[in-house]
PDB file of N, CA and C in Angstrom:
ATOM      1  N   MET A   1      22.228  48.759  20.895  1.00  0.00           N
ATOM      2  CA  MET A   1      20.682  48.528  21.262  1.00  0.00           C
ATOM      3  C   MET A   1      20.120  47.421  19.866  1.00  0.00           C
ATOM      4  N   ASP A   2      19.689  46.578  19.670  1.00  0.00           N
ATOM      5  CA  ASP A   2      18.933  45.942  19.003  1.00  0.00           C
ATOM      6  C   ASP A   2      17.999  46.920  18.288  1.00  0.00           C
ATOM      7  N   PHE A   3      17.404  45.685  16.783  1.00  0.00           N
ATOM      8  CA  PHE A   3      16.153  45.939  16.230  1.00  0.00           C
ATOM      9  C   PHE A   3      16.001  44.808  15.803  1.00  0.00           C
ATOM     10  N   GLY A   4      15.155  44.140  16.285  1.00  0.00           N
ATOM     11  CA  GLY A   4      14.767  42.855  15.613  1.00  0.00           C
ATOM     12  C   GLY A   4      16.335  41.840  15.418  1.00  0.00           C
ATOM     13  N   ASN A   5      17.027  41.243  14.225  1.00  0.00           N
ATOM     14  CA  ASN A   5      17.911  40.268  14.520  1.00  0.00           C
ATOM     15  C   ASN A   5      19.404  41.059  14.532  1.00  0.00           C
ATOM     16  N   TRP A   6      18.544  42.569  14.699  1.00  0.00           N
ATOM     17  CA  TRP A   6      19.814  43.460  14.396  1.00  0.00           C
ATOM     18  C   TRP A   6      20.135  44.157  15.390  1.00  0.00           C
ATOM     19  N   LYS A   7      21.888  44.324  15.379  1.00  0.00           N
ATOM     20  CA  LYS A   7      22.523  44.975  16.549  1.00  0.00           C
ATOM     21  C   LYS A   7      23.628  46.321  15.911  1.00  0.00           C
ATOM     22  N   VAL A   8      22.929  47.533  16.782  1.00  0.00           N
ATOM     23  CA  VAL A   8      24.128  48.438  16.084  1.00  0.00           C
ATOM     24  C   VAL A   8      25.318  48.762  17.603  1.00  0.00           C
ATOM     25  N   THR A   9      26.610  48.248  16.641  1.00  0.00           N
ATOM     26  CA  THR A   9      27.043  48.289  17.657  1.00  0.00           C
ATOM     27  C   THR A   9      28.526  49.785  18.017  1.00  0.00           C
ATOM     28  N   GLN A  10      29.802  49.289  18.582  1.00  0.00           N
ATOM     29  CA  GLN A  10      30.234  50.742  18.582  1.00  0.00           C
ATOM     30  C   GLN A  10      30.218  51.469  16.908  1.00  0.00           C
ATOM     31  N   ASN A  11      31.212  51.046  16.038  1.00  0.00           N
ATOM     32  CA  ASN A  11      30.784  51.357  14.604  1.00  0.00           C
ATOM     33  C   ASN A  11      30.151  50.712  13.702  1.00  0.00           C
ATOM     34  N   SER A  12      29.209  49.492  13.721  1.00  0.00           N
ATOM     35  CA  SER A  12      28.560  48.760  12.784  1.00  0.00           C
ATOM     36  C   SER A  12      26.462  48.504  12.971  1.00  0.00           C
ATOM     37  N   ILE A  13      25.973  47.812  12.219  1.00  0.00           N
ATOM     38  CA  ILE A  13      25.373  47.194  12.038  1.00  0.00           C
ATOM     39  C   ILE A  13      25.436  45.300  11.789  1.00  0.00           C
ATOM     40  N   THR A  14      24.976  44.698  12.707  1.00  0.00           N
ATOM     41  CA  THR A  14      24.981  43.183  12.793  1.00  0.00           C
ATOM     42  C   THR A  14      24.256  42.034  12.593  1.00  0.00           C
ATOM     43  N   TRP A  15      24.010  41.527  12.259  1.00  0.00           N
ATOM     44  CA  TRP A  15      23.255  40.193  11.972  1.00  0.00           C
ATOM     45  C   TRP A  15      23.799  39.457  13.078  1.00  0.00           C
ATOM     46  N   LYS A  16      22.704  39.476  14.192  1.00  0.00           N
ATOM     47  CA  LYS A  16      22.610  38.319  14.724  1.00  0.00           C
ATOM     48  C   LYS A  16      21.869  37.287  15.281  1.00  0.00           C
ATOM     49  N   GLY A  17      21.187  37.330  14.013  1.00  0.00           N
ATOM     50  CA  GLY A  17      19.895  35.806  14.284  1.00  0.00           C
ATOM     51  C   GLY A  17      20.569  34.897  14.239  1.00  0.00           C
ATOM     52  N   LYS A  18      19.350  34.100  14.311  1.00  0.00           N
ATOM     53  CA  LYS A  18      19.661  32.358  13.974  1.00  0.00           C
ATOM     54  C   LYS A  18      21.001  32.672  11.554  1.00  0.00           C
ATOM     55  N   GLY A  19      21.148  31.123  12.257  1.00  0.00           N
ATOM     56  CA  GLY A  19      21.749  31.092  10.853  1.00  0.00           C
ATOM     57  C   GLY A  19      23.465  31.277  10.552  1.00  0.00           C
ATOM     58  N   MET A  20      23.737  30.940   9.544  1.00  0.00           N
ATOM     59  CA  MET A  20      25.102  30.650   9.413  1.00  0.00           C
ATOM     60  C   MET A  20      25.093  31.990   8.036  1.00  0.00           C
ATOM     61  N   GLN A  21      24.395  32.624   8.660  1.00  0.00           N
ATOM     62  CA  GLN A  21      24.805  33.855   7.018  1.00  0.00           C
ATOM     63  C   GLN A  21      25.006  34.486   8.484  1.00  0.00           C
ATOM     64  N   PRO A  22      26.545  35.643   8.294  1.00  0.00           N
ATOM     65  CA  PRO A  22      26.581  36.906   8.855  1.00  0.00           C
ATOM     66  C   PRO A  22      26.894  38.070   7.344  1.00  0.00           C
ATOM     67  N   PHE A  23      26.168  38.983   8.367  1.00  0.00           N
ATOM     68  CA  PHE A  23      26.188  40.613   7.494  1.00  0.00           C
ATOM     69  C   PHE A  23      26.471  41.189   8.337  1.00  0.00           C
ATOM     70  N   GLU A  24      27.075  42.787   7.993  1.00  0.00           N
ATOM     71  CA  GLU A  24      27.711  43.531   8.819  1.00  0.00           C
ATOM     72  C   GLU A  24      27.383  45.014   7.636  1.00  0.00           C
ATOM     73  N   ILE A  25      27.279  45.893   8.463  1.00  0.00           N
ATOM     74  CA  ILE A  25      27.573  47.329   7.474  1.00  0.00           C
ATOM     75  C   ILE A  25      28.210  47.898   8.705  1.00  0.00           C
ATOM     76  N   HIS A  26      29.503  48.540   7.850  1.00  0.00           N
ATOM     77  CA  HIS A  26      30.605  48.664   9.104  1.00  0.00           C
ATOM     78  C   HIS A  26      29.841  50.385   8.636  1.00  0.00           C
ATOM     79  N   GLU A  27      30.319  51.360   9.843  1.00  0.00           N
ATOM     80  CA  GLU A  27      30.495  53.044  10.203  1.00  0.00           C
ATOM     81  C   GLU A  27      30.603  53.102   8.562  1.00  0.00           C
ATOM     82  N   ASP A  28      32.177  53.515   8.413  1.00  0.00           N
ATOM     83  CA  ASP A  28      32.643  54.414   6.358  1.00  0.00           C
ATOM     84  C   ASP A  28      31.481  53.486   5.162  1.00  0.00           C
ATOM     85  N   LYS A  29      30.889  52.749   5.466  1.00  0.00           N
ATOM     86  CA  LYS A  29      29.985  51.924   4.172  1.00  0.00           C
ATOM     87  C   LYS A  29      28.866  52.764   4.418  1.00  0.00           C
ATOM     88  N   LEU A  30      28.210  52.871   5.757  1.00  0.00           N
ATOM     89  CA  LEU A  30      27.304  52.613   5.550  1.00  0.00           C
ATOM     90  C   LEU A  30      25.799  53.619   5.327  1.00  0.00           C
ATOM     91  N   THR A  31      26.306  54.747   4.742  1.00  0.00           N
ATOM     92  CA  THR A  31      25.933  55.840   3.840  1.00  0.00           C
ATOM     93  C   THR A  31      26.408  56.065   2.128  1.00  0.00           C
ATOM     94  N   ALA A  32      26.599  54.573   1.818  1.00  0.00           N
ATOM     95  CA  ALA A  32      27.408  55.080   0.725  1.00  0.00           C
ATOM     96  C   ALA A  32      25.888  54.686   0.028  1.00  0.00           C
ATOM     97  N   THR A  33      26.039  55.679  -0.831  1.00  0.00           N
ATOM     98  CA  THR A  33      25.453  55.741  -2.345  1.00  0.00           C
ATOM     99  C   THR A  33      25.273  55.304  -3.694  1.00  0.00           C
ATOM    100  N   ARG A  34      24.299  54.425  -4.594  1.00  0.00           N
ATOM    101  CA  ARG A  34      24.836  54.352  -5.721  1.00  0.00           C
ATOM    102  C   ARG A  34      23.470  54.455  -6.335  1.00  0.00           C
ATOM    103  N   LYS A  35      23.336  54.549  -7.981  1.00  0.00           N
ATOM    104  CA  LYS A  35      22.261  54.946  -8.785  1.00  0.00           C
ATOM    105  C   LYS A  35      21.701  53.492  -8.993  1.00  0.00           C
ATOM    106  N   THR A  36      20.457  53.958  -8.936  1.00  0.00           N
ATOM    107  CA  THR A  36      19.661  52.329  -9.611  1.00  0.00           C
ATOM    108  C   THR A  36      19.854  52.409 -10.587  1.00  0.00           C
ATOM    109  N   ASN A  37      19.552  51.572 -10.813  1.00  0.00           N
ATOM    110  CA  ASN A  37      19.624  50.836 -12.779  1.00  0.00           C
ATOM    111  C   ASN A  37      19.641  51.011 -13.705  1.00  0.00           C
ATOM    112  N   THR A  38      17.532  51.594 -13.242  1.00  0.00           N
ATOM    113  CA  THR A  38      17.268  52.422 -14.011  1.00  0.00           C
ATOM    114  C   THR A  38      16.775  53.669 -14.279  1.00  0.00           C
ATOM    115  N   ASP A  39      17.288  54.597 -13.414  1.00  0.00           N
ATOM    116  CA  ASP A  39      16.974  55.928 -13.202  1.00  0.00           C
ATOM    117  C   ASP A  39      18.352  56.151 -12.573  1.00  0.00           C
ATOM    118  N   GLU A  40      18.045  57.829 -12.426  1.00  0.00           N
ATOM    119  CA  GLU A  40      19.267  58.299 -11.383  1.00  0.00           C
ATOM    120  C   GLU A  40      19.553  58.489 -10.568  1.00  0.00           C
ATOM    121  N   ILE A  41      18.305  57.971  -9.804  1.00  0.00           N
ATOM    122  CA  ILE A  41      17.924  58.267  -8.550  1.00  0.00           C
ATOM    123  C   ILE A  41      19.195  57.718  -8.007  1.00  0.00           C
ATOM    124  N   ARG A  42      19.335  57.964  -6.770  1.00  0.00           N
ATOM    125  CA  ARG A  42      19.862  57.718  -5.496  1.00  0.00           C
ATOM    126  C   ARG A  42      20.133  57.529  -4.879  1.00  0.00           C
ATOM    127  N   ILE A  43      20.216  55.397  -4.097  1.00  0.00           N
ATOM    128  CA  ILE A  43      19.691  54.796  -3.171  1.00  0.00           C
ATOM    129  C   ILE A  43      21.357  54.454  -2.522  1.00  0.00           C
ATOM    130  N   TYR A  44      20.644  53.916  -0.934  1.00  0.00           N
ATOM    131  CA  TYR A  44      21.365  53.890   0.025  1.00  0.00           C
ATOM    132  C   TYR A  44      21.959  52.789  -0.318  1.00  0.00           C
ATOM    133  N   GLU A  45      23.372  51.907  -1.110  1.00  0.00           N
ATOM    134  CA  GLU A  45      24.044  50.782  -0.697  1.00  0.00           C
ATOM    135  C   GLU A  45      23.677  49.200  -0.178  1.00  0.00           C
ATOM    136  N   SER A  46      24.154  49.848   0.957  1.00  0.00           N
ATOM    137  CA  SER A  46      23.733  48.710   2.476  1.00  0.00           C
ATOM    138  C   SER A  46      22.268  48.471   2.121  1.00  0.00           C
ATOM    139  N   ILE A  47      21.164  48.930   2.186  1.00  0.00           N
ATOM    140  CA  ILE A  47      19.649  48.696   2.678  1.00  0.00           C
ATOM    141  C   ILE A  47      19.635  47.802   1.166  1.00  0.00           C
ATOM    142  N   VAL A  48      20.300  48.182   0.177  1.00  0.00           N
ATOM    143  CA  VAL A  48      19.295  47.863  -1.017  1.00  0.00           C
ATOM    144  C   VAL A  48      20.020  45.755  -0.847  1.00  0.00           C
ATOM    145  N   LEU A  49      21.637  45.871  -0.327  1.00  0.00           N
ATOM    146  CA  LEU A  49      22.713  44.591  -0.461  1.00  0.00           C
ATOM    147  C   LEU A  49      22.243  43.615   0.062  1.00  0.00           C
ATOM    148  N   ALA A  50      21.673  44.269   0.987  1.00  0.00           N
ATOM    149  CA  ALA A  50      20.860  42.722   2.518  1.00  0.00           C
ATOM    150  C   ALA A  50      19.303  42.888   1.505  1.00  0.00           C
ATOM    151  N   THR A  51      18.568  43.683   1.430  1.00  0.00           N
ATOM    152  CA  THR A  51      16.781  43.454   0.018  1.00  0.00           C
ATOM    153  C   THR A  51      17.488  42.468  -0.470  1.00  0.00           C
ATOM    154  N   ASN A  52      18.291  42.369  -1.271  1.00  0.00           N
ATOM    155  CA  ASN A  52      18.799  41.687  -2.033  1.00  0.00           C
ATOM    156  C   ASN A  52      19.528  40.079  -1.873  1.00  0.00           C
ATOM    157  N   GLU A  53      19.760  40.207  -0.808  1.00  0.00           N
ATOM    158  CA  GLU A  53      19.793  38.199   0.190  1.00  0.00           C
ATOM    159  C   GLU A  53      18.772  37.642   0.767  1.00  0.00           C
ATOM    160  N   ASP A  54      18.406  36.541  -0.225  1.00  0.00           N
ATOM    161  CA  ASP A  54      17.172  35.595  -0.528  1.00  0.00           C
ATOM    162  C   ASP A  54      17.275  34.940   1.623  1.00  0.00           C
ATOM    163  N   TRP A  55      17.953  35.168   2.498  1.00  0.00           N
ATOM    164  CA  TRP A  55      17.579  34.822   3.171  1.00  0.00           C
ATOM    165  C   TRP A  55      16.969  35.547   4.779  1.00  0.00           C
ATOM    166  N   LEU A  56      16.885  36.669   3.954  1.00  0.00           N
ATOM    167  CA  LEU A  56      16.344  37.350   5.144  1.00  0.00           C
ATOM    168  C   LEU A  56      14.984  37.779   4.521  1.00  0.00           C
ATOM    169  N   THR A  57      14.001  37.672   5.465  1.00  0.00           N
ATOM    170  CA  THR A  57      12.646  38.353   5.851  1.00  0.00           C
ATOM    171  C   THR A  57      13.022  40.063   5.670  1.00  0.00           C
ATOM    172  N   GLU A  58      10.984  39.848   4.908  1.00  0.00           N
ATOM    173  CA  GLU A  58      10.772  41.430   4.897  1.00  0.00           C
ATOM    174  C   GLU A  58      10.813  41.555   6.406  1.00  0.00           C
ATOM    175  N   ASN A  59      10.126  41.068   7.941  1.00  0.00           N
ATOM    176  CA  ASN A  59      10.128  41.682   8.467  1.00  0.00           C
ATOM    177  C   ASN A  59      11.719  41.799   9.318  1.00  0.00           C
ATOM    178  N   ASP A  60      12.636  41.555   9.031  1.00  0.00           N
ATOM    179  CA  ASP A  60      14.453  41.726   8.738  1.00  0.00           C
ATOM    180  C   ASP A  60      14.970  42.874   8.374  1.00  0.00           C
ATOM    181  N   LEU A  61      14.292  43.021   7.096  1.00  0.00           N
ATOM    182  CA  LEU A  61      14.662  44.098   6.458  1.00  0.00           C
ATOM    183  C   LEU A  61      13.821  45.576   7.118  1.00  0.00           C
ATOM    184  N   PHE A  62      12.460  45.500   7.986  1.00  0.00           N
ATOM    185  CA  PHE A  62      11.332  46.413   7.956  1.00  0.00           C
ATOM    186  C   PHE A  62      12.693  46.670   9.303  1.00  0.00           C
ATOM    187  N   ASP A  63      13.356  46.046   9.869  1.00  0.00           N
ATOM    188  CA  ASP A  63      13.803  46.358  10.934  1.00  0.00           C
ATOM    189  C   ASP A  63      15.719  46.698  11.714  1.00  0.00           C
ATOM    190  N   LEU A  64      15.651  46.564   9.891  1.00  0.00           N
ATOM    191  CA  LEU A  64      17.265  47.510   8.836  1.00  0.00           C
ATOM    192  C   LEU A  64      17.217  48.545   9.033  1.00  0.00           C
ATOM    193  N   ASN A  65      16.402  48.667   8.206  1.00  0.00           N
ATOM    194  CA  ASN A  65      15.528  50.269   8.099  1.00  0.00           C
ATOM    195  C   ASN A  65      15.443  50.988   9.769  1.00  0.00           C
ATOM    196  N   PHE A  66      14.567  50.866  10.591  1.00  0.00           N
ATOM    197  CA  PHE A  66      15.005  51.047  12.004  1.00  0.00           C
ATOM    198  C   PHE A  66      16.329  51.524  12.089  1.00  0.00           C
ATOM    199  N   ALA A  67      16.759  50.444  12.277  1.00  0.00           N
ATOM    200  CA  ALA A  67      18.587  50.214  12.572  1.00  0.00           C
ATOM    201  C   ALA A  67      19.326  51.515  11.927  1.00  0.00           C
ATOM    202  N   PHE A  68      19.188  51.116  10.746  1.00  0.00           N
ATOM    203  CA  PHE A  68      20.486  52.029   9.566  1.00  0.00           C
ATOM    204  C   PHE A  68      18.993  53.447  10.322  1.00  0.00           C
ATOM    205  N   VAL A  69      18.868  54.038  10.388  1.00  0.00           N
ATOM    206  CA  VAL A  69      18.462  55.493  10.548  1.00  0.00           C
ATOM    207  C   VAL A  69      18.825  56.054  12.285  1.00  0.00           C
ATOM    208  N   TYR A  70      18.940  54.363  12.829  1.00  0.00           N
ATOM    209  CA  TYR A  70      19.186  54.958  14.311  1.00  0.00           C
ATOM    210  C   TYR A  70      20.688  54.989  13.823  1.00  0.00           C
ATOM    211  N   ALA A  71      21.505  54.019  13.798  1.00  0.00           N
ATOM    212  CA  ALA A  71      22.924  54.416  13.432  1.00  0.00           C
ATOM    213  C   ALA A  71      23.296  55.190  13.176  1.00  0.00           C
ATOM    214  N   VAL A  72      22.841  55.806  11.394  1.00  0.00           N
ATOM    215  CA  VAL A  72      23.223  56.980  11.159  1.00  0.00           C
ATOM    216  C   VAL A  72      23.944  57.702  12.216  1.00  0.00           C
ATOM    217  N   ALA A  73      22.159  58.048  12.859  1.00  0.00           N
ATOM    218  CA  ALA A  73      22.743  59.375  14.062  1.00  0.00           C
ATOM    219  C   ALA A  73      22.998  59.210  14.689  1.00  0.00           C
ATOM    220  N   LYS A  74      23.515  57.782  15.143  1.00  0.00           N
ATOM    221  CA  LYS A  74      24.512  57.380  16.554  1.00  0.00           C
ATOM    222  C   LYS A  74      25.786  57.975  16.304  1.00  0.00           C
ATOM    223  N   PHE A  75      26.280  57.605  14.912  1.00  0.00           N
ATOM    224  CA  PHE A  75      27.672  57.008  14.200  1.00  0.00           C
ATOM    225  C   PHE A  75      27.760  59.546  13.908  1.00  0.00           C
ATOM    226  N   GLY A  76      26.655  60.239  13.731  1.00  0.00           N
ATOM    227  CA  GLY A  76      26.873  61.143  13.662  1.00  0.00           C
ATOM    228  C   GLY A  76      26.890  61.035  11.789  1.00  0.00           C
ATOM    229  N   LEU A  77      27.001  60.385  10.921  1.00  0.00           N
ATOM    230  CA  LEU A  77      26.918  60.099   9.393  1.00  0.00           C
ATOM    231  C   LEU A  77      25.939  61.549   9.065  1.00  0.00           C
ATOM    232  N   HIS A  78      26.250  62.261   7.562  1.00  0.00           N
ATOM    233  CA  HIS A  78      24.700  62.313   7.181  1.00  0.00           C
ATOM    234  C   HIS A  78      24.278  62.103   6.439  1.00  0.00           C
ATOM    235  N   PHE A  79      22.520  62.283   6.980  1.00  0.00           N
ATOM    236  CA  PHE A  79      21.162  60.924   6.712  1.00  0.00           C
ATOM    237  C   PHE A  79      20.566  62.267   5.267  1.00  0.00           C
ATOM    238  N   ASN A  80      20.405  61.904   4.425  1.00  0.00           N
ATOM    239  CA  ASN A  80      19.858  62.719   3.312  1.00  0.00           C
ATOM    240  C   ASN A  80      18.328  62.108   2.999  1.00  0.00           C
ATOM    241  N   TYR A  81      16.997  62.236   3.528  1.00  0.00           N
ATOM    242  CA  TYR A  81      15.700  61.514   3.846  1.00  0.00           C
ATOM    243  C   TYR A  81      15.241  61.456   2.030  1.00  0.00           C
ATOM    244  N   ASP A  82      15.825  62.613   1.676  1.00  0.00           N
ATOM    245  CA  ASP A  82      15.684  62.125   0.200  1.00  0.00           C
ATOM    246  C   ASP A  82      15.969  60.742  -0.330  1.00  0.00           C
ATOM    247  N   ILE A  83      16.804  60.433  -0.350  1.00  0.00           N
ATOM    248  CA  ILE A  83      18.273  59.009  -0.939  1.00  0.00           C
ATOM    249  C   ILE A  83      16.938  57.853   0.111  1.00  0.00           C
ATOM    250  N   PHE A  84      16.842  58.323   1.265  1.00  0.00           N
ATOM    251  CA  PHE A  84      15.925  56.995   2.033  1.00  0.00           C
ATOM    252  C   PHE A  84      15.123  56.589   1.491  1.00  0.00           C
ATOM    253  N   ASP A  85      14.168  57.884   1.735  1.00  0.00           N
ATOM    254  CA  ASP A  85      12.567  57.569   0.075  1.00  0.00           C
ATOM    255  C   ASP A  85      13.049  57.007  -0.525  1.00  0.00           C
ATOM    256  N   ALA A  86      13.541  57.736  -1.301  1.00  0.00           N
ATOM    257  CA  ALA A  86      13.952  56.739  -2.560  1.00  0.00           C
ATOM    258  C   ALA A  86      14.903  54.905  -2.275  1.00  0.00           C
ATOM    259  N   THR A  87      15.353  55.037  -1.269  1.00  0.00           N
ATOM    260  CA  THR A  87      15.768  53.226  -1.017  1.00  0.00           C
ATOM    261  C   THR A  87      14.706  52.181  -1.191  1.00  0.00           C
ATOM    262  N   LEU A  88      13.771  53.537   0.336  1.00  0.00           N
ATOM    263  CA  LEU A  88      13.038  52.457   0.810  1.00  0.00           C
ATOM    264  C   LEU A  88      11.692  52.273  -0.892  1.00  0.00           C
ATOM    265  N   ALA A  89      11.417  53.066  -1.598  1.00  0.00           N
ATOM    266  CA  ALA A  89      10.705  53.347  -2.603  1.00  0.00           C
ATOM    267  C   ALA A  89      10.872  52.072  -3.336  1.00  0.00           C
ATOM    268  N   TYR A  90      12.452  51.417  -3.893  1.00  0.00           N
ATOM    269  CA  TYR A  90      12.961  51.143  -4.926  1.00  0.00           C
ATOM    270  C   TYR A  90      13.004  49.316  -3.543  1.00  0.00           C
ATOM    271  N   GLN A  91      12.525  49.733  -2.808  1.00  0.00           N
ATOM    272  CA  GLN A  91      13.067  48.094  -1.573  1.00  0.00           C
ATOM    273  C   GLN A  91      11.518  47.455  -1.132  1.00  0.00           C
ATOM    274  N   PHE A  92      10.811  48.356  -1.980  1.00  0.00           N
ATOM    275  CA  PHE A  92       9.477  47.631  -2.095  1.00  0.00           C
ATOM    276  C   PHE A  92       9.321  47.356  -3.191  1.00  0.00           C
ATOM    277  N   GLU A  93       9.515  48.314  -3.915  1.00  0.00           N
ATOM    278  CA  GLU A  93       9.432  47.878  -5.500  1.00  0.00           C
ATOM    279  C   GLU A  93      10.101  46.221  -5.769  1.00  0.00           C
ATOM    280  N   ILE A  94      11.509  45.559  -4.980  1.00  0.00           N
ATOM    281  CA  ILE A  94      11.290  43.860  -4.955  1.00  0.00           C
ATOM    282  C   ILE A  94      10.974  44.042  -4.372  1.00  0.00           C
ATOM    283  N   PHE A  95      10.088  43.849  -3.491  1.00  0.00           N
ATOM    284  CA  PHE A  95       9.087  42.792  -3.045  1.00  0.00           C
ATOM    285  C   PHE A  95       7.903  42.568  -3.126  1.00  0.00           C
ATOM    286  N   GLU A  96       7.938  43.532  -4.418  1.00  0.00           N
ATOM    287  CA  GLU A  96       6.438  43.391  -5.061  1.00  0.00           C
ATOM    288  C   GLU A  96       6.621  42.614  -6.448  1.00  0.00           C
ATOM    289  N   ALA A  97       8.209  42.782  -6.643  1.00  0.00           N
ATOM    290  CA  ALA A  97       8.447  41.658  -7.817  1.00  0.00           C
ATOM    291  C   ALA A  97       8.593  40.406  -7.386  1.00  0.00           C
ATOM    292  N   GLU A  98       9.298  40.131  -6.039  1.00  0.00           N
ATOM    293  CA  GLU A  98       9.177  38.996  -5.460  1.00  0.00           C
ATOM    294  C   GLU A  98       8.140  38.565  -5.126  1.00  0.00           C
ATOM    295  N   ASP A  99       6.975  38.935  -4.737  1.00  0.00           N
ATOM    296  CA  ASP A  99       5.985  38.753  -5.154  1.00  0.00           C
ATOM    297  C   ASP A  99       5.159  37.757  -6.126  1.00  0.00           C
ATOM    298  N   GLU A 100       5.376  39.091  -6.506  1.00  0.00           N
ATOM    299  CA  GLU A 100       4.832  38.063  -8.440  1.00  0.00           C
ATOM    300  C   GLU A 100       5.632  37.214  -9.126  1.00  0.00           C
ATOM    301  N   GLU A 101       6.687  37.432  -8.207  1.00  0.00           N
ATOM    302  CA  GLU A 101       7.402  35.516  -8.795  1.00  0.00           C
ATOM    303  C   GLU A 101       6.737  34.471  -7.814  1.00  0.00           C
ATOM    304  N   GLY A 102       6.074  34.445  -6.932  1.00  0.00           N
ATOM    305  CA  GLY A 102       6.117  33.534  -5.942  1.00  0.00           C
ATOM    306  C   GLY A 102       4.761  33.697  -5.991  1.00  0.00           C
TER     307      GLY A 102
END
């Protein structure tokens, strides 16, 4: 299943867009979490790692968010709505900070 430039394969989400940059999130790392730097809130690490890639556009990242939810369901992984909401809020903070810098 494709979501923009992302393809959900049998065991990963893979970037298939133009450019030489490889980016793949394997099933076993998809729902890994970490705490944010500023507080104790847990976020999905793979989404934040992608958000920090300068060559991905905001539209690419929105597509990744959809691919992420689909892949979690497809792979039968545990999904936590609170962590996902916190991840998206953190992602938008990054977008806003970049807009202020630019």
